């Protein structure tokens, strides 16, 4: 139940990486087609293309701690699971496990 089982046609592109002491930062792009279970979300058949960043702490040449950051709203919109739009001053959010086409 992760990116490997949840997505086919995966591309994980490291756009930039730098380190300082025991800390490492990766700026990355993930692309894939949602064809399997992803943390309880059934396959939507939609493709995603998101940018993110990972901050890692190294110890003895191995990753000891890691934090990933990405725009989850964009990710969920690309999967068709969340609508978000502004009408005037009002904001609406409709989280759903149905695809947008089914609403």
N, C-alpha and C. Protein backbone atom coordinates (compact mmCIF):
# COMPACT_ATOMS: atom_id res chain seq x y z
N UNK A 1 0.83 -1.18 0.00
CA UNK A 1 0.00 0.00 0.00
C UNK A 1 0.88 1.25 0.00
N UNK A 2 1.58 1.49 -1.09
CA UNK A 2 2.41 2.68 -1.19
C UNK A 2 2.51 3.11 -2.65
N UNK A 3 3.47 3.96 -2.94
CA UNK A 3 3.63 4.44 -4.32
C UNK A 3 3.94 3.31 -5.29
N UNK A 4 4.67 2.30 -4.86
CA UNK A 4 5.04 1.19 -5.75
C UNK A 4 3.82 0.35 -6.09
N UNK A 5 2.98 0.03 -5.12
CA UNK A 5 1.80 -0.79 -5.38
C UNK A 5 0.63 0.05 -5.89
N UNK A 6 0.60 1.33 -5.57
CA UNK A 6 -0.52 2.18 -5.95
C UNK A 6 -0.41 2.80 -7.33
N UNK A 7 0.81 2.89 -7.86
CA UNK A 7 1.01 3.58 -9.13
C UNK A 7 1.82 2.75 -10.11
N UNK A 8 1.39 2.77 -11.36
CA UNK A 8 2.19 2.19 -12.44
C UNK A 8 2.75 3.35 -13.26
N UNK A 9 3.58 3.04 -14.22
CA UNK A 9 4.21 4.06 -15.06
C UNK A 9 4.90 5.13 -14.19
N UNK A 10 5.50 4.69 -13.09
CA UNK A 10 6.12 5.61 -12.13
C UNK A 10 7.40 6.23 -12.67
N UNK A 11 7.55 7.51 -12.38
CA UNK A 11 8.81 8.21 -12.62
C UNK A 11 9.09 9.04 -11.37
N UNK A 12 10.24 8.83 -10.78
CA UNK A 12 10.67 9.64 -9.64
C UNK A 12 11.95 10.33 -10.08
N UNK A 13 11.84 11.63 -10.29
CA UNK A 13 12.94 12.41 -10.85
C UNK A 13 13.51 13.32 -9.78
N UNK A 14 14.78 13.15 -9.44
CA UNK A 14 15.44 14.06 -8.50
C UNK A 14 15.93 15.25 -9.31
N UNK A 15 15.35 16.42 -9.04
CA UNK A 15 15.68 17.63 -9.79
C UNK A 15 16.89 18.35 -9.21
N UNK A 16 17.06 18.24 -7.89
CA UNK A 16 18.22 18.85 -7.21
C UNK A 16 18.41 18.14 -5.88
N UNK A 17 19.66 18.11 -5.43
CA UNK A 17 19.96 17.48 -4.15
C UNK A 17 21.20 18.16 -3.58
N UNK A 18 21.16 18.42 -2.27
CA UNK A 18 22.34 18.95 -1.62
C UNK A 18 22.38 18.46 -0.18
N UNK A 19 23.57 18.51 0.40
CA UNK A 19 23.76 18.03 1.76
C UNK A 19 24.60 19.03 2.54
N UNK A 20 24.41 19.01 3.84
CA UNK A 20 25.20 19.82 4.76
C UNK A 20 25.35 19.01 6.04
N UNK A 21 26.53 18.52 6.27
CA UNK A 21 26.74 17.68 7.45
C UNK A 21 25.94 16.41 7.34
N UNK A 22 25.08 16.15 8.33
CA UNK A 22 24.28 14.93 8.34
C UNK A 22 22.89 15.13 7.75
N UNK A 23 22.62 16.30 7.14
CA UNK A 23 21.31 16.58 6.56
C UNK A 23 21.39 16.58 5.03
N UNK A 24 20.35 16.03 4.42
CA UNK A 24 20.27 15.91 2.97
C UNK A 24 18.90 16.42 2.52
N UNK A 25 18.87 17.19 1.44
CA UNK A 25 17.61 17.69 0.89
C UNK A 25 17.52 17.27 -0.57
N UNK A 26 16.35 16.71 -0.94
CA UNK A 26 16.08 16.34 -2.33
C UNK A 26 14.85 17.12 -2.80
N UNK A 27 14.96 17.74 -3.96
CA UNK A 27 13.84 18.39 -4.63
C UNK A 27 13.46 17.45 -5.76
N UNK A 28 12.20 16.96 -5.80
CA UNK A 28 11.86 15.89 -6.72
C UNK A 28 10.52 16.12 -7.41
N UNK A 29 10.30 15.29 -8.44
CA UNK A 29 9.04 15.27 -9.16
C UNK A 29 8.60 13.82 -9.25
N UNK A 30 7.33 13.57 -8.96
CA UNK A 30 6.78 12.22 -9.07
C UNK A 30 5.66 12.22 -10.11
N UNK A 31 5.74 11.26 -11.03
CA UNK A 31 4.70 11.07 -12.04
C UNK A 31 4.27 9.62 -12.01
N UNK A 32 3.00 9.36 -12.20
CA UNK A 32 2.54 7.98 -12.26
C UNK A 32 1.05 7.90 -12.54
N UNK A 33 0.60 6.68 -12.81
CA UNK A 33 -0.81 6.40 -13.05
C UNK A 33 -1.35 5.59 -11.88
N UNK A 34 -2.42 6.06 -11.27
CA UNK A 34 -2.99 5.43 -10.07
C UNK A 34 -3.79 4.18 -10.47
N UNK A 35 -3.12 3.03 -10.42
CA UNK A 35 -3.73 1.78 -10.88
C UNK A 35 -3.90 0.74 -9.78
N UNK A 36 -3.53 1.08 -8.56
CA UNK A 36 -3.65 0.13 -7.45
C UNK A 36 -4.03 0.84 -6.17
N UNK A 37 -4.20 0.04 -5.12
CA UNK A 37 -4.56 0.59 -3.82
C UNK A 37 -3.42 1.47 -3.29
N UNK A 38 -3.76 2.68 -2.88
CA UNK A 38 -2.77 3.62 -2.36
C UNK A 38 -3.23 4.10 -0.99
N UNK A 39 -2.69 3.50 0.06
CA UNK A 39 -3.06 3.84 1.44
C UNK A 39 -4.57 3.85 1.62
N UNK A 40 -5.24 2.81 1.09
CA UNK A 40 -6.69 2.67 1.26
C UNK A 40 -7.52 3.34 0.18
N UNK A 41 -6.90 4.08 -0.72
CA UNK A 41 -7.63 4.73 -1.81
C UNK A 41 -7.60 3.79 -3.02
N UNK A 42 -8.77 3.31 -3.45
CA UNK A 42 -8.79 2.40 -4.60
C UNK A 42 -8.36 3.12 -5.87
N UNK A 43 -7.89 2.35 -6.84
CA UNK A 43 -7.39 2.89 -8.11
C UNK A 43 -8.42 3.79 -8.78
N UNK A 44 -7.94 4.94 -9.29
CA UNK A 44 -8.79 5.88 -10.01
C UNK A 44 -8.49 5.86 -11.51
N UNK A 45 -7.32 5.35 -11.89
CA UNK A 45 -6.91 5.39 -13.29
C UNK A 45 -6.37 6.74 -13.72
N UNK A 46 -6.32 7.69 -12.80
CA UNK A 46 -5.84 9.05 -13.12
C UNK A 46 -4.32 9.11 -13.04
N UNK A 47 -3.74 10.06 -13.76
CA UNK A 47 -2.30 10.28 -13.68
C UNK A 47 -2.02 11.47 -12.78
N UNK A 48 -0.87 11.42 -12.13
CA UNK A 48 -0.44 12.51 -11.26
C UNK A 48 0.94 13.00 -11.70
N UNK A 49 1.19 14.26 -11.40
CA UNK A 49 2.48 14.89 -11.68
C UNK A 49 2.67 15.93 -10.59
N UNK A 50 3.42 15.60 -9.54
CA UNK A 50 3.59 16.49 -8.40
C UNK A 50 5.06 16.74 -8.10
N UNK A 51 5.30 17.90 -7.54
CA UNK A 51 6.64 18.32 -7.12
C UNK A 51 6.69 18.22 -5.60
N UNK A 52 7.83 17.82 -5.07
CA UNK A 52 7.96 17.72 -3.62
C UNK A 52 9.40 17.89 -3.17
N UNK A 53 9.57 17.76 -1.87
CA UNK A 53 10.87 17.93 -1.25
C UNK A 53 11.00 16.91 -0.12
N UNK A 54 12.17 16.35 0.03
CA UNK A 54 12.45 15.42 1.12
C UNK A 54 13.64 15.95 1.91
N UNK A 55 13.49 15.96 3.23
CA UNK A 55 14.59 16.33 4.12
C UNK A 55 14.95 15.07 4.90
N UNK A 56 16.21 14.68 4.82
CA UNK A 56 16.65 13.45 5.48
C UNK A 56 17.81 13.74 6.42
N UNK A 57 17.85 12.97 7.49
CA UNK A 57 18.99 13.02 8.41
C UNK A 57 19.73 11.71 8.26
N UNK A 58 21.02 11.80 8.03
CA UNK A 58 21.85 10.63 7.80
C UNK A 58 22.60 10.23 9.06
N UNK A 59 22.84 8.93 9.20
CA UNK A 59 23.66 8.42 10.30
C UNK A 59 24.39 7.19 9.78
N UNK A 60 25.71 7.20 9.88
CA UNK A 60 26.54 6.08 9.42
C UNK A 60 26.26 5.74 7.95
N UNK A 61 26.05 6.76 7.13
CA UNK A 61 25.83 6.56 5.70
C UNK A 61 24.45 6.06 5.32
N UNK A 62 23.52 6.00 6.28
CA UNK A 62 22.16 5.53 6.02
C UNK A 62 21.16 6.59 6.45
N UNK A 63 19.96 6.53 5.86
CA UNK A 63 18.91 7.46 6.25
C UNK A 63 18.36 7.05 7.61
N UNK A 64 18.48 7.95 8.59
CA UNK A 64 17.99 7.67 9.94
C UNK A 64 16.60 8.27 10.15
N UNK A 65 16.32 9.34 9.43
CA UNK A 65 15.04 10.04 9.58
C UNK A 65 14.74 10.72 8.25
N UNK A 66 13.45 10.77 7.88
CA UNK A 66 13.09 11.35 6.60
C UNK A 66 11.71 11.99 6.69
N UNK A 67 11.56 13.18 6.09
CA UNK A 67 10.28 13.87 6.01
C UNK A 67 10.06 14.27 4.56
N UNK A 68 8.86 13.97 4.04
CA UNK A 68 8.51 14.32 2.67
C UNK A 68 7.43 15.40 2.68
N UNK A 69 7.54 16.32 1.74
CA UNK A 69 6.59 17.41 1.62
C UNK A 69 6.15 17.53 0.16
N UNK A 70 4.82 17.64 -0.05
CA UNK A 70 4.27 17.89 -1.38
C UNK A 70 2.94 18.60 -1.19
N UNK A 71 2.41 19.15 -2.26
CA UNK A 71 1.11 19.82 -2.20
C UNK A 71 0.02 18.75 -2.29
N UNK A 72 -0.49 18.31 -1.14
CA UNK A 72 -1.47 17.24 -1.11
C UNK A 72 -2.79 17.63 -1.77
N UNK A 73 -3.14 18.92 -1.74
CA UNK A 73 -4.37 19.36 -2.41
C UNK A 73 -4.26 19.10 -3.92
N UNK A 74 -3.14 19.48 -4.50
CA UNK A 74 -2.92 19.25 -5.94
C UNK A 74 -2.92 17.75 -6.22
N UNK A 75 -2.25 16.97 -5.39
CA UNK A 75 -2.19 15.52 -5.55
C UNK A 75 -3.59 14.92 -5.56
N UNK A 76 -4.43 15.29 -4.60
CA UNK A 76 -5.79 14.76 -4.51
C UNK A 76 -6.67 15.25 -5.66
N UNK A 77 -6.47 16.49 -6.09
CA UNK A 77 -7.22 17.00 -7.25
C UNK A 77 -6.87 16.20 -8.50
N UNK A 78 -5.59 15.90 -8.69
CA UNK A 78 -5.17 15.14 -9.86
C UNK A 78 -5.74 13.73 -9.84
N UNK A 79 -5.96 13.18 -8.65
CA UNK A 79 -6.59 11.86 -8.54
C UNK A 79 -8.10 11.93 -8.70
N UNK A 80 -8.63 13.15 -8.75
CA UNK A 80 -10.08 13.33 -8.88
C UNK A 80 -10.81 13.12 -7.57
N UNK A 81 -10.11 13.28 -6.45
CA UNK A 81 -10.70 13.00 -5.14
C UNK A 81 -11.10 14.24 -4.37
N UNK A 82 -10.72 15.40 -4.83
CA UNK A 82 -11.01 16.60 -4.06
C UNK A 82 -11.22 17.76 -5.03
N UNK A 83 -12.34 18.44 -4.88
CA UNK A 83 -12.61 19.64 -5.66
C UNK A 83 -12.37 20.83 -4.76
N UNK A 84 -11.74 21.83 -5.27
CA UNK A 84 -11.55 23.05 -4.49
C UNK A 84 -11.60 24.21 -5.46
N UNK A 85 -12.49 25.13 -5.21
CA UNK A 85 -12.58 26.30 -6.08
C UNK A 85 -13.15 27.46 -5.28
N UNK A 86 -12.95 28.65 -5.78
CA UNK A 86 -13.45 29.86 -5.14
C UNK A 86 -14.56 30.47 -5.99
N UNK A 87 -15.63 30.85 -5.36
CA UNK A 87 -16.69 31.60 -6.01
C UNK A 87 -16.85 32.87 -5.19
N UNK A 88 -16.43 33.98 -5.77
CA UNK A 88 -16.46 35.22 -5.00
C UNK A 88 -15.54 35.09 -3.81
N UNK A 89 -16.07 35.32 -2.63
CA UNK A 89 -15.26 35.22 -1.40
C UNK A 89 -15.45 33.89 -0.71
N UNK A 90 -16.30 33.05 -1.24
CA UNK A 90 -16.56 31.76 -0.59
C UNK A 90 -15.64 30.70 -1.15
N UNK A 91 -15.19 29.81 -0.32
CA UNK A 91 -14.39 28.66 -0.74
C UNK A 91 -15.17 27.39 -0.45
N UNK A 92 -15.10 26.46 -1.37
CA UNK A 92 -15.78 25.19 -1.21
C UNK A 92 -14.79 24.06 -1.36
N UNK A 93 -14.91 23.07 -0.53
CA UNK A 93 -14.06 21.89 -0.63
C UNK A 93 -14.95 20.67 -0.50
N UNK A 94 -14.82 19.74 -1.44
CA UNK A 94 -15.65 18.55 -1.44
C UNK A 94 -14.77 17.30 -1.46
N UNK A 95 -14.23 16.90 -0.31
CA UNK A 95 -13.42 15.67 -0.30
C UNK A 95 -14.32 14.47 -0.54
N UNK A 96 -13.87 13.57 -1.35
CA UNK A 96 -14.66 12.40 -1.68
C UNK A 96 -13.74 11.32 -2.22
N UNK A 97 -14.13 10.07 -2.03
CA UNK A 97 -13.36 8.99 -2.63
C UNK A 97 -13.94 8.61 -3.99
N UNK A 98 -14.97 9.34 -4.43
CA UNK A 98 -15.49 9.15 -5.78
C UNK A 98 -14.66 10.02 -6.72
N UNK A 99 -14.58 9.61 -7.94
CA UNK A 99 -13.91 10.44 -8.94
C UNK A 99 -14.77 11.64 -9.29
N UNK A 100 -14.14 12.70 -9.79
CA UNK A 100 -14.88 13.89 -10.17
C UNK A 100 -15.95 13.57 -11.19
N UNK A 101 -15.66 12.65 -12.10
CA UNK A 101 -16.61 12.30 -13.14
C UNK A 101 -17.90 11.69 -12.59
N UNK A 102 -17.84 11.18 -11.34
CA UNK A 102 -19.00 10.52 -10.75
C UNK A 102 -19.87 11.48 -9.96
N UNK A 103 -19.44 12.72 -9.78
CA UNK A 103 -20.22 13.68 -8.98
C UNK A 103 -21.36 14.26 -9.77
